[in-house]
C-alpha cells in the first residue's frame, strides 16, 4: 500500500523550465545601485505592475498571450513589455530617465514570465526569457534611439551586399574547381 503522506515526484516540465523570478532579478539588479537609482527604477516597476496586472489589462494580456498568431511567446512578451515601458515614458512626459526603462523592464518581464509559467498558459524557459529581453531592448532602442534604426538599415545593406558578393564569387569558384578537376590547374 502506498504511503499517502509521501509527496509524489513532480516532473520538471510542469513549470516549463523557468528559473528566473522577478524577486531574483530585482535583487541582483538593485545589489549594485544606489538608493536614488533604486527608487526611480522601483517606481517604474510599480507603475508597470499596475498597468500589466489591473483586471482590465490582465484580461488583455491573457488574450494576447493565448492568441494564435504564429508569434513566439518570447516575442509576444518582449514586445508587450517594451510597449508598456514606452507608454509609461510617454505618460510621464519624459520625466522617467531612459536609463531606468531597461532595468525596470527586466523585472516586469520576469514577473510576466512567472505569471505565464504559474498559470500554465504556455511553457516558458530561461532561454525564452533571454529572447524576450532582446526583443524588449529592440523595442526601446527603436523608439528612443534614432541611431539604432539607422544601424539596422546599414546592417541590412551590408548583409545584402555580402550576399551579392558571395553569389558572384560562387561561379568563379566553380570554374576554378572545374579546371582543377580537368587537370588544367
N, C-alpha and C. Protein backbone atom coordinates (compact mmCIF):
# COMPACT_ATOMS: atom_id res chain seq x y z
N UNK A 1 0.84 -1.18 0.00
CA UNK A 1 0.00 0.00 0.00
C UNK A 1 0.88 1.25 0.00
N UNK A 2 0.48 2.23 -0.78
CA UNK A 2 1.26 3.45 -0.92
C UNK A 2 1.09 4.36 0.27
N UNK A 3 2.18 5.01 0.67
CA UNK A 3 2.14 5.97 1.78
C UNK A 3 1.53 7.27 1.26
N UNK A 4 0.34 7.64 1.76
CA UNK A 4 -0.36 8.84 1.28
C UNK A 4 0.31 10.13 1.73
N UNK A 5 1.17 10.07 2.74
CA UNK A 5 1.85 11.28 3.23
C UNK A 5 3.13 11.57 2.46
N UNK A 6 3.59 10.60 1.70
CA UNK A 6 4.83 10.77 0.95
C UNK A 6 4.54 11.59 -0.32
N UNK A 7 5.25 12.71 -0.52
CA UNK A 7 4.99 13.52 -1.71
C UNK A 7 5.42 12.78 -2.98
N UNK A 8 4.61 12.92 -4.01
CA UNK A 8 4.94 12.31 -5.28
C UNK A 8 5.97 13.18 -6.01
N UNK A 9 6.81 12.54 -6.76
CA UNK A 9 7.78 13.28 -7.57
C UNK A 9 7.03 13.97 -8.70
N UNK A 10 7.24 15.25 -8.84
CA UNK A 10 6.58 16.02 -9.90
C UNK A 10 7.57 16.21 -11.04
N UNK A 11 7.11 16.01 -12.26
CA UNK A 11 8.02 16.23 -13.39
C UNK A 11 8.41 17.70 -13.50
N UNK A 12 9.66 17.94 -13.87
CA UNK A 12 10.18 19.30 -14.00
C UNK A 12 9.46 20.08 -15.09
N UNK A 13 9.03 19.40 -16.14
CA UNK A 13 8.43 20.09 -17.29
C UNK A 13 7.15 20.83 -16.92
N UNK A 14 6.58 20.52 -15.77
CA UNK A 14 5.32 21.15 -15.39
C UNK A 14 5.46 22.67 -15.28
N UNK A 15 6.62 23.16 -14.88
CA UNK A 15 6.81 24.60 -14.76
C UNK A 15 7.45 25.19 -16.02
N UNK A 16 7.78 24.35 -16.97
CA UNK A 16 8.33 24.86 -18.23
C UNK A 16 9.81 25.14 -18.20
N UNK A 17 10.50 24.88 -17.11
CA UNK A 17 11.93 25.09 -17.06
C UNK A 17 12.34 26.53 -16.80
N UNK A 18 11.48 27.30 -16.17
CA UNK A 18 11.79 28.69 -15.88
C UNK A 18 12.37 28.79 -14.47
N UNK A 19 13.55 29.38 -14.37
CA UNK A 19 14.16 29.60 -13.05
C UNK A 19 14.22 31.08 -12.70
N UNK A 20 14.00 31.94 -13.69
CA UNK A 20 14.03 33.38 -13.48
C UNK A 20 12.80 33.80 -12.67
N UNK A 21 13.01 34.65 -11.69
CA UNK A 21 11.88 35.24 -10.95
C UNK A 21 12.10 36.74 -10.86
N UNK A 22 11.01 37.46 -10.66
CA UNK A 22 11.09 38.91 -10.53
C UNK A 22 11.89 39.29 -9.29
N UNK A 23 11.70 38.55 -8.21
CA UNK A 23 12.43 38.86 -6.97
C UNK A 23 13.93 38.69 -7.14
N UNK A 24 14.34 37.59 -7.79
CA UNK A 24 15.77 37.36 -8.04
C UNK A 24 16.34 38.46 -8.95
N UNK A 25 15.59 38.79 -9.99
CA UNK A 25 16.05 39.80 -10.94
C UNK A 25 16.21 41.15 -10.25
N UNK A 26 15.21 41.51 -9.45
CA UNK A 26 15.25 42.80 -8.75
C UNK A 26 16.40 42.83 -7.74
N UNK A 27 16.57 41.75 -7.01
CA UNK A 27 17.64 41.69 -6.02
C UNK A 27 19.01 41.84 -6.70
N UNK A 28 19.23 41.11 -7.78
CA UNK A 28 20.51 41.19 -8.49
C UNK A 28 20.72 42.58 -9.09
N UNK A 29 19.66 43.17 -9.57
CA UNK A 29 19.72 44.49 -10.18
C UNK A 29 20.04 45.57 -9.14
N UNK A 30 19.35 45.53 -8.03
CA UNK A 30 19.48 46.56 -7.01
C UNK A 30 20.76 46.42 -6.18
N UNK A 31 21.40 45.27 -6.27
CA UNK A 31 22.60 44.99 -5.47
C UNK A 31 23.68 46.06 -5.65
N UNK A 32 23.82 46.56 -6.87
CA UNK A 32 24.91 47.49 -7.16
C UNK A 32 24.42 48.91 -7.46
N UNK A 33 23.19 49.21 -7.08
CA UNK A 33 22.65 50.54 -7.33
C UNK A 33 22.50 51.33 -6.04
N UNK A 34 22.59 52.63 -6.17
CA UNK A 34 22.36 53.50 -5.02
C UNK A 34 20.88 53.65 -4.75
N UNK A 35 20.56 54.28 -3.62
CA UNK A 35 19.16 54.46 -3.22
C UNK A 35 18.35 55.24 -4.24
N UNK A 36 18.95 56.27 -4.80
CA UNK A 36 18.22 57.10 -5.76
C UNK A 36 17.84 56.28 -7.00
N UNK A 37 18.80 55.53 -7.55
CA UNK A 37 18.51 54.71 -8.73
C UNK A 37 17.48 53.64 -8.41
N UNK A 38 17.62 53.03 -7.23
CA UNK A 38 16.65 52.02 -6.82
C UNK A 38 15.25 52.62 -6.75
N UNK A 39 15.16 53.83 -6.22
CA UNK A 39 13.86 54.49 -6.10
C UNK A 39 13.22 54.76 -7.45
N UNK A 40 14.02 55.28 -8.38
CA UNK A 40 13.49 55.60 -9.72
C UNK A 40 13.04 54.31 -10.41
N UNK A 41 13.89 53.32 -10.42
CA UNK A 41 13.55 52.05 -11.09
C UNK A 41 12.38 51.38 -10.38
N UNK A 42 12.36 51.45 -9.06
CA UNK A 42 11.26 50.87 -8.29
C UNK A 42 9.92 51.50 -8.64
N UNK A 43 9.92 52.81 -8.86
CA UNK A 43 8.67 53.50 -9.23
C UNK A 43 8.20 53.08 -10.62
N UNK A 44 9.15 52.90 -11.54
CA UNK A 44 8.79 52.44 -12.89
C UNK A 44 8.24 51.01 -12.82
N UNK A 45 8.86 50.17 -12.01
CA UNK A 45 8.38 48.80 -11.84
C UNK A 45 6.96 48.82 -11.28
N UNK A 46 6.74 49.64 -10.25
CA UNK A 46 5.42 49.72 -9.62
C UNK A 46 4.36 50.17 -10.63
N UNK A 47 4.68 51.20 -11.40
CA UNK A 47 3.73 51.71 -12.41
C UNK A 47 3.47 50.64 -13.48
N UNK A 48 4.53 49.93 -13.87
CA UNK A 48 4.37 48.86 -14.87
C UNK A 48 3.53 47.72 -14.35
N UNK A 49 3.70 47.37 -13.07
CA UNK A 49 2.90 46.29 -12.46
C UNK A 49 1.43 46.71 -12.42
N UNK A 50 1.19 47.96 -12.06
CA UNK A 50 -0.19 48.45 -12.04
C UNK A 50 -0.79 48.36 -13.44
N UNK A 51 0.01 48.72 -14.42
CA UNK A 51 -0.51 48.70 -15.79
C UNK A 51 -0.77 47.27 -16.27
N UNK A 52 0.16 46.37 -16.01
CA UNK A 52 0.03 45.00 -16.51
C UNK A 52 -0.99 44.17 -15.76
N UNK A 53 -1.13 44.41 -14.48
CA UNK A 53 -1.91 43.48 -13.67
C UNK A 53 -3.21 44.04 -13.10
N UNK A 54 -3.71 45.14 -13.69
CA UNK A 54 -5.07 45.54 -13.35
C UNK A 54 -6.00 44.52 -14.00
N UNK A 55 -7.20 44.40 -13.50
CA UNK A 55 -8.13 43.41 -14.03
C UNK A 55 -8.34 43.58 -15.54
N UNK A 56 -8.60 44.81 -15.96
CA UNK A 56 -8.87 45.07 -17.38
C UNK A 56 -7.66 44.73 -18.24
N UNK A 57 -6.50 45.21 -17.82
CA UNK A 57 -5.30 44.98 -18.61
C UNK A 57 -4.88 43.52 -18.56
N UNK A 58 -5.05 42.90 -17.40
CA UNK A 58 -4.69 41.50 -17.26
C UNK A 58 -5.46 40.64 -18.25
N UNK A 59 -6.74 40.93 -18.44
CA UNK A 59 -7.54 40.19 -19.41
C UNK A 59 -6.97 40.37 -20.82
N UNK A 60 -6.53 41.58 -21.15
CA UNK A 60 -5.93 41.85 -22.46
C UNK A 60 -4.61 41.11 -22.62
N UNK A 61 -3.82 41.09 -21.55
CA UNK A 61 -2.53 40.39 -21.58
C UNK A 61 -2.77 38.90 -21.84
N UNK A 62 -3.71 38.32 -21.11
CA UNK A 62 -4.00 36.89 -21.26
C UNK A 62 -4.49 36.61 -22.68
N UNK A 63 -5.38 37.44 -23.21
CA UNK A 63 -5.87 37.26 -24.58
C UNK A 63 -4.73 37.34 -25.58
N UNK A 64 -3.84 38.29 -25.37
CA UNK A 64 -2.71 38.46 -26.27
C UNK A 64 -1.78 37.26 -26.26
N UNK A 65 -1.57 36.70 -25.09
CA UNK A 65 -0.69 35.53 -24.97
C UNK A 65 -1.33 34.32 -25.62
N UNK A 66 -2.63 34.15 -25.41
CA UNK A 66 -3.33 32.98 -25.93
C UNK A 66 -3.64 33.08 -27.43
N UNK A 67 -3.60 34.29 -27.99
CA UNK A 67 -3.93 34.48 -29.40
C UNK A 67 -2.99 33.64 -30.28
N UNK A 68 -3.56 32.92 -31.17
CA UNK A 68 -2.80 32.08 -32.10
C UNK A 68 -2.45 32.89 -33.34
N UNK A 69 -1.36 33.64 -33.26
CA UNK A 69 -0.99 34.50 -34.38
C UNK A 69 0.35 34.10 -34.99
N UNK A 70 0.88 32.97 -34.56
CA UNK A 70 2.15 32.50 -35.10
C UNK A 70 3.37 33.14 -34.48
N UNK A 71 3.17 34.06 -33.55
CA UNK A 71 4.29 34.74 -32.91
C UNK A 71 4.75 33.93 -31.69
N UNK A 72 6.05 33.79 -31.53
CA UNK A 72 6.61 33.09 -30.37
C UNK A 72 6.24 33.81 -29.09
N UNK A 73 6.15 33.04 -28.00
CA UNK A 73 5.85 33.62 -26.69
C UNK A 73 6.92 34.64 -26.31
N UNK A 74 8.17 34.37 -26.65
CA UNK A 74 9.24 35.31 -26.29
C UNK A 74 9.06 36.65 -27.00
N UNK A 75 8.63 36.61 -28.26
CA UNK A 75 8.39 37.86 -28.99
C UNK A 75 7.19 38.60 -28.40
N UNK A 76 6.11 37.86 -28.13
CA UNK A 76 4.90 38.49 -27.58
C UNK A 76 5.20 39.22 -26.28
N UNK A 77 5.89 38.54 -25.37
CA UNK A 77 6.15 39.14 -24.06
C UNK A 77 7.17 40.26 -24.13
N UNK A 78 8.21 40.07 -24.93
CA UNK A 78 9.23 41.12 -25.06
C UNK A 78 8.67 42.39 -25.69
N UNK A 79 7.91 42.22 -26.76
CA UNK A 79 7.30 43.38 -27.42
C UNK A 79 6.28 44.03 -26.48
N UNK A 80 5.49 43.20 -25.80
CA UNK A 80 4.47 43.73 -24.90
C UNK A 80 5.05 44.57 -23.78
N UNK A 81 6.08 44.07 -23.12
CA UNK A 81 6.70 44.83 -22.03
C UNK A 81 7.41 46.06 -22.59
N UNK A 82 8.03 45.93 -23.75
CA UNK A 82 8.65 47.10 -24.39
C UNK A 82 7.63 48.20 -24.62
N UNK A 83 6.45 47.84 -25.09
CA UNK A 83 5.41 48.84 -25.34
C UNK A 83 4.87 49.43 -24.03
N UNK A 84 4.78 48.62 -22.99
CA UNK A 84 4.36 49.14 -21.68
C UNK A 84 5.34 50.21 -21.22
N UNK A 85 6.63 49.95 -21.39
CA UNK A 85 7.64 50.92 -20.98
C UNK A 85 7.55 52.22 -21.79
N UNK A 86 7.28 52.10 -23.07
CA UNK A 86 7.13 53.28 -23.92
C UNK A 86 5.92 54.09 -23.46
N UNK A 87 4.82 53.41 -23.17
CA UNK A 87 3.62 54.11 -22.69
C UNK A 87 3.92 54.81 -21.36
N UNK A 88 4.58 54.12 -20.44
CA UNK A 88 4.92 54.74 -19.16
C UNK A 88 5.78 55.98 -19.36
N UNK A 89 6.77 55.89 -20.23
CA UNK A 89 7.64 57.02 -20.50
C UNK A 89 6.84 58.19 -21.08
N UNK A 90 5.99 57.88 -22.05
CA UNK A 90 5.19 58.94 -22.68
C UNK A 90 4.21 59.57 -21.70
N UNK A 91 3.59 58.76 -20.86
CA UNK A 91 2.66 59.29 -19.87
C UNK A 91 3.37 60.15 -18.82
N UNK A 92 4.66 59.85 -18.60
CA UNK A 92 5.42 60.65 -17.63
C UNK A 92 5.92 61.95 -18.26
N UNK A 93 5.62 62.14 -19.53
CA UNK A 93 6.08 63.31 -20.29
C UNK A 93 7.60 63.44 -20.24
N UNK A 94 8.26 62.30 -20.29
CA UNK A 94 9.71 62.29 -20.33
C UNK A 94 10.40 62.41 -18.99
N UNK A 95 9.65 62.35 -17.88
CA UNK A 95 10.29 62.50 -16.58
C UNK A 95 10.99 61.22 -16.10
N UNK A 96 10.68 60.10 -16.72
CA UNK A 96 11.40 58.86 -16.38
C UNK A 96 12.73 58.88 -17.11
N UNK A 97 13.83 58.70 -16.41
CA UNK A 97 15.12 58.63 -17.11
C UNK A 97 15.14 57.41 -18.04
N UNK A 98 15.59 57.60 -19.27
CA UNK A 98 15.64 56.49 -20.22
C UNK A 98 16.44 55.32 -19.68
N UNK A 99 17.46 55.62 -18.88
CA UNK A 99 18.30 54.57 -18.30
C UNK A 99 17.56 53.68 -17.31
N UNK A 100 16.38 54.09 -16.87
CA UNK A 100 15.61 53.28 -15.92
C UNK A 100 14.69 52.30 -16.63
N UNK A 101 14.45 52.50 -17.92
CA UNK A 101 13.48 51.67 -18.63
C UNK A 101 13.91 50.20 -18.73
N UNK A 102 15.11 49.95 -19.19
CA UNK A 102 15.53 48.55 -19.37
C UNK A 102 15.64 47.79 -18.05
N UNK A 103 16.24 48.37 -17.00
CA UNK A 103 16.27 47.64 -15.73
C UNK A 103 14.86 47.35 -15.20
N UNK A 104 13.97 48.33 -15.28
CA UNK A 104 12.59 48.11 -14.82
C UNK A 104 11.92 47.06 -15.70
N UNK A 105 12.19 47.12 -17.00
CA UNK A 105 11.62 46.14 -17.93
C UNK A 105 12.07 44.73 -17.63
N UNK A 106 13.31 44.57 -17.19
CA UNK A 106 13.82 43.25 -16.82
C UNK A 106 12.95 42.64 -15.72
N UNK A 107 12.64 43.42 -14.71
CA UNK A 107 11.84 42.92 -13.59
C UNK A 107 10.39 42.69 -14.02
N UNK A 108 9.83 43.61 -14.80
CA UNK A 108 8.46 43.45 -15.29
C UNK A 108 8.33 42.20 -16.16
N UNK A 109 9.31 42.00 -17.02
CA UNK A 109 9.30 40.83 -17.88
C UNK A 109 9.41 39.55 -17.06
N UNK A 110 10.26 39.56 -16.04
CA UNK A 110 10.38 38.38 -15.17
C UNK A 110 9.06 38.10 -14.47
N UNK A 111 8.37 39.14 -14.02
CA UNK A 111 7.07 38.96 -13.36
C UNK A 111 6.05 38.39 -14.33
N UNK A 112 6.05 38.88 -15.55
CA UNK A 112 5.13 38.37 -16.55
C UNK A 112 5.44 36.92 -16.88
N UNK A 113 6.70 36.57 -16.95
CA UNK A 113 7.09 35.17 -17.20
C UNK A 113 6.64 34.27 -16.04
N UNK A 114 6.81 34.75 -14.83
CA UNK A 114 6.31 33.99 -13.68
C UNK A 114 4.81 33.73 -13.81
N UNK A 115 4.07 34.75 -14.20
CA UNK A 115 2.63 34.64 -14.36
C UNK A 115 2.28 33.59 -15.41
N UNK A 116 2.93 33.66 -16.57
CA UNK A 116 2.66 32.70 -17.64
C UNK A 116 3.02 31.29 -17.19
N UNK A 117 4.14 31.15 -16.50
CA UNK A 117 4.60 29.85 -16.04
C UNK A 117 3.65 29.26 -15.00
N UNK A 118 3.30 30.06 -14.00
CA UNK A 118 2.45 29.56 -12.91
C UNK A 118 1.03 29.23 -13.36
N UNK A 119 0.52 29.99 -14.33
CA UNK A 119 -0.84 29.72 -14.81
C UNK A 119 -0.85 28.59 -15.84
N UNK A 120 0.31 28.22 -16.34
CA UNK A 120 0.39 27.14 -17.32
C UNK A 120 -0.14 27.52 -18.69
N UNK A 121 -0.26 28.81 -18.95
CA UNK A 121 -0.76 29.25 -20.26
C UNK A 121 0.09 28.74 -21.40
N UNK A 122 1.38 28.73 -21.16
CA UNK A 122 2.32 28.33 -22.19
C UNK A 122 3.61 27.91 -21.48
N UNK A 123 4.26 26.85 -21.95
CA UNK A 123 5.55 26.50 -21.33
C UNK A 123 6.59 27.55 -21.69
N UNK A 124 7.32 28.02 -20.69
CA UNK A 124 8.35 29.03 -20.90
C UNK A 124 9.64 28.60 -20.23
N UNK A 125 10.75 29.05 -20.78
CA UNK A 125 12.07 28.69 -20.27
C UNK A 125 12.91 29.95 -20.07
N UNK A 126 14.06 29.74 -19.45
CA UNK A 126 15.01 30.85 -19.30
C UNK A 126 15.49 31.35 -20.66
N UNK A 127 15.61 30.45 -21.64
CA UNK A 127 16.01 30.86 -22.99
C UNK A 127 14.95 31.78 -23.60
N UNK A 128 13.67 31.44 -23.40
CA UNK A 128 12.60 32.32 -23.88
C UNK A 128 12.72 33.69 -23.25
N UNK A 129 13.00 33.70 -21.95
CA UNK A 129 13.16 34.97 -21.22
C UNK A 129 14.28 35.79 -21.84
N UNK A 130 15.41 35.16 -22.13
CA UNK A 130 16.54 35.85 -22.75
C UNK A 130 16.17 36.45 -24.10
N UNK A 131 15.42 35.69 -24.90
CA UNK A 131 14.98 36.19 -26.20
C UNK A 131 14.02 37.37 -26.03
N UNK A 132 13.16 37.30 -25.02
CA UNK A 132 12.24 38.40 -24.74
C UNK A 132 12.99 39.66 -24.35
N UNK A 133 14.05 39.50 -23.57
CA UNK A 133 14.86 40.66 -23.18
C UNK A 133 15.43 41.35 -24.42
N UNK A 134 15.90 40.55 -25.37
CA UNK A 134 16.44 41.13 -26.60
C UNK A 134 15.35 41.86 -27.38
N UNK A 135 14.16 41.27 -27.43
CA UNK A 135 13.06 41.90 -28.15
C UNK A 135 12.64 43.20 -27.46
N UNK A 136 12.55 43.18 -26.13
CA UNK A 136 12.19 44.37 -25.37
C UNK A 136 13.23 45.48 -25.61
N UNK A 137 14.49 45.10 -25.58
CA UNK A 137 15.58 46.04 -25.82
C UNK A 137 15.45 46.65 -27.22
N UNK A 138 15.10 45.83 -28.20
CA UNK A 138 14.93 46.33 -29.56
C UNK A 138 13.79 47.34 -29.64
N UNK A 139 12.68 47.06 -28.95
CA UNK A 139 11.55 47.99 -28.95
C UNK A 139 11.97 49.33 -28.35
N UNK A 140 12.68 49.29 -27.24
CA UNK A 140 13.14 50.52 -26.58
C UNK A 140 14.11 51.26 -27.49
N UNK A 141 15.05 50.54 -28.07
CA UNK A 141 16.03 51.20 -28.95
C UNK A 141 15.38 51.79 -30.19
N UNK A 142 14.45 51.06 -30.79
CA UNK A 142 13.78 51.59 -31.99
C UNK A 142 13.00 52.85 -31.65
N UNK A 143 12.45 52.91 -30.45
CA UNK A 143 11.63 54.05 -30.05
C UNK A 143 12.46 55.27 -29.68
N UNK A 144 13.54 55.06 -28.94
CA UNK A 144 14.26 56.19 -28.36
C UNK A 144 15.64 56.46 -28.95
N UNK A 145 16.10 55.60 -29.84
CA UNK A 145 17.45 55.77 -30.36
C UNK A 145 17.40 55.78 -31.89
N UNK A 146 17.33 56.96 -32.49
CA UNK A 146 17.26 57.03 -33.95
C UNK A 146 18.47 56.37 -34.62
N UNK A 147 19.61 56.41 -33.95
CA UNK A 147 20.82 55.79 -34.50
C UNK A 147 20.63 54.29 -34.63
N UNK A 148 19.88 53.68 -33.71
CA UNK A 148 19.62 52.24 -33.75
C UNK A 148 18.94 51.87 -35.07
N UNK A 149 17.94 52.67 -35.46
CA UNK A 149 17.23 52.39 -36.71
C UNK A 149 18.16 52.55 -37.90
N UNK A 150 19.01 53.56 -37.88
CA UNK A 150 19.98 53.74 -38.95
C UNK A 150 20.96 52.59 -39.02
N UNK A 151 21.39 52.12 -37.85
CA UNK A 151 22.31 50.99 -37.80
C UNK A 151 21.67 49.74 -38.40
N UNK A 152 20.37 49.53 -38.13
CA UNK A 152 19.68 48.37 -38.69
C UNK A 152 19.64 48.45 -40.21
N UNK A 153 19.39 49.63 -40.75
CA UNK A 153 19.35 49.80 -42.20
C UNK A 153 20.73 49.51 -42.78
N UNK A 154 21.76 50.05 -42.15
CA UNK A 154 23.13 49.82 -42.63
C UNK A 154 23.50 48.33 -42.54
N UNK A 155 23.10 47.67 -41.45
CA UNK A 155 23.36 46.23 -41.33
C UNK A 155 22.66 45.46 -42.44
N UNK A 156 21.43 45.86 -42.73
CA UNK A 156 20.67 45.21 -43.80
C UNK A 156 21.35 45.39 -45.15
N UNK A 157 21.82 46.61 -45.43
CA UNK A 157 22.51 46.88 -46.69
C UNK A 157 23.80 46.05 -46.78
N UNK A 158 24.53 45.99 -45.68
CA UNK A 158 25.78 45.22 -45.67
C UNK A 158 25.51 43.74 -45.90
N UNK A 159 24.43 43.22 -45.33
CA UNK A 159 24.09 41.81 -45.50
C UNK A 159 23.73 41.53 -46.96
N UNK A 160 22.95 42.43 -47.57
CA UNK A 160 22.58 42.27 -48.98
C UNK A 160 23.83 42.32 -49.85
N UNK A 161 24.70 43.29 -49.60
CA UNK A 161 25.93 43.43 -50.39
C UNK A 161 26.80 42.18 -50.23
N UNK A 162 26.89 41.66 -49.02
CA UNK A 162 27.69 40.46 -48.77
C UNK A 162 27.10 39.27 -49.52
N UNK A 163 25.78 39.18 -49.54
CA UNK A 163 25.11 38.09 -50.26
C UNK A 163 25.37 38.17 -51.75
N UNK A 164 25.33 39.39 -52.30
CA UNK A 164 25.59 39.58 -53.73
C UNK A 164 27.03 39.23 -54.06
N UNK A 165 27.94 39.62 -53.19
CA UNK A 165 29.36 39.33 -53.40
C UNK A 165 29.59 37.82 -53.36
N UNK A 166 28.95 37.14 -52.44
CA UNK A 166 29.09 35.68 -52.32
C UNK A 166 28.55 35.01 -53.58
N UNK A 167 27.40 35.49 -54.11
CA UNK A 167 26.83 34.91 -55.31
C UNK A 167 27.75 35.10 -56.51
N UNK A 168 28.44 36.24 -56.58
CA UNK A 168 29.36 36.49 -57.68
C UNK A 168 30.59 35.61 -57.56
N UNK A 169 31.02 35.32 -56.36
CA UNK A 169 32.22 34.52 -56.15
C UNK A 169 31.97 33.03 -56.41
N UNK A 170 30.74 32.58 -56.22
CA UNK A 170 30.44 31.16 -56.38
C UNK A 170 30.73 30.66 -57.79
N UNK A 171 30.28 31.35 -58.87
CA UNK A 171 30.59 30.85 -60.21
C UNK A 171 32.10 30.80 -60.47
N UNK A 172 32.84 31.81 -59.95
CA UNK A 172 34.29 31.82 -60.14
C UNK A 172 34.91 30.62 -59.43
N UNK A 173 34.44 30.32 -58.24
CA UNK A 173 34.98 29.17 -57.50
C UNK A 173 34.63 27.88 -58.23
N UNK A 174 33.42 27.80 -58.80
CA UNK A 174 33.02 26.59 -59.52
C UNK A 174 33.87 26.42 -60.78
N UNK A 175 34.18 27.54 -61.48
CA UNK A 175 35.02 27.47 -62.66
C UNK A 175 36.41 26.98 -62.29
N UNK A 176 36.95 27.50 -61.20
CA UNK A 176 38.28 27.09 -60.76
C UNK A 176 38.28 25.62 -60.38
N UNK A 177 37.23 25.16 -59.72
CA UNK A 177 37.13 23.76 -59.33
C UNK A 177 37.05 22.88 -60.57
N UNK A 178 36.34 23.37 -61.61
CA UNK A 178 36.24 22.62 -62.86
C UNK A 178 37.60 22.48 -63.53
N UNK A 179 38.39 23.54 -63.50
CA UNK A 179 39.74 23.48 -64.08
C UNK A 179 40.62 22.51 -63.30
N UNK A 180 40.47 22.52 -62.00
CA UNK A 180 41.26 21.60 -61.16
C UNK A 180 40.87 20.17 -61.49
N UNK A 181 39.57 19.91 -61.60
CA UNK A 181 39.11 18.56 -61.89
C UNK A 181 39.53 18.10 -63.26
N UNK A 182 39.69 19.02 -64.22
CA UNK A 182 40.09 18.67 -65.59
C UNK A 182 41.62 18.59 -65.73
N UNK A 183 42.31 18.95 -64.66
CA UNK A 183 43.76 18.89 -64.70
C UNK A 183 44.38 20.13 -65.30
N UNK A 184 43.59 21.16 -65.50
CA UNK A 184 44.09 22.40 -66.10
C UNK A 184 44.87 23.26 -65.14
N UNK A 185 44.74 23.03 -63.85
CA UNK A 185 45.47 23.85 -62.91
C UNK A 185 46.32 22.96 -62.05
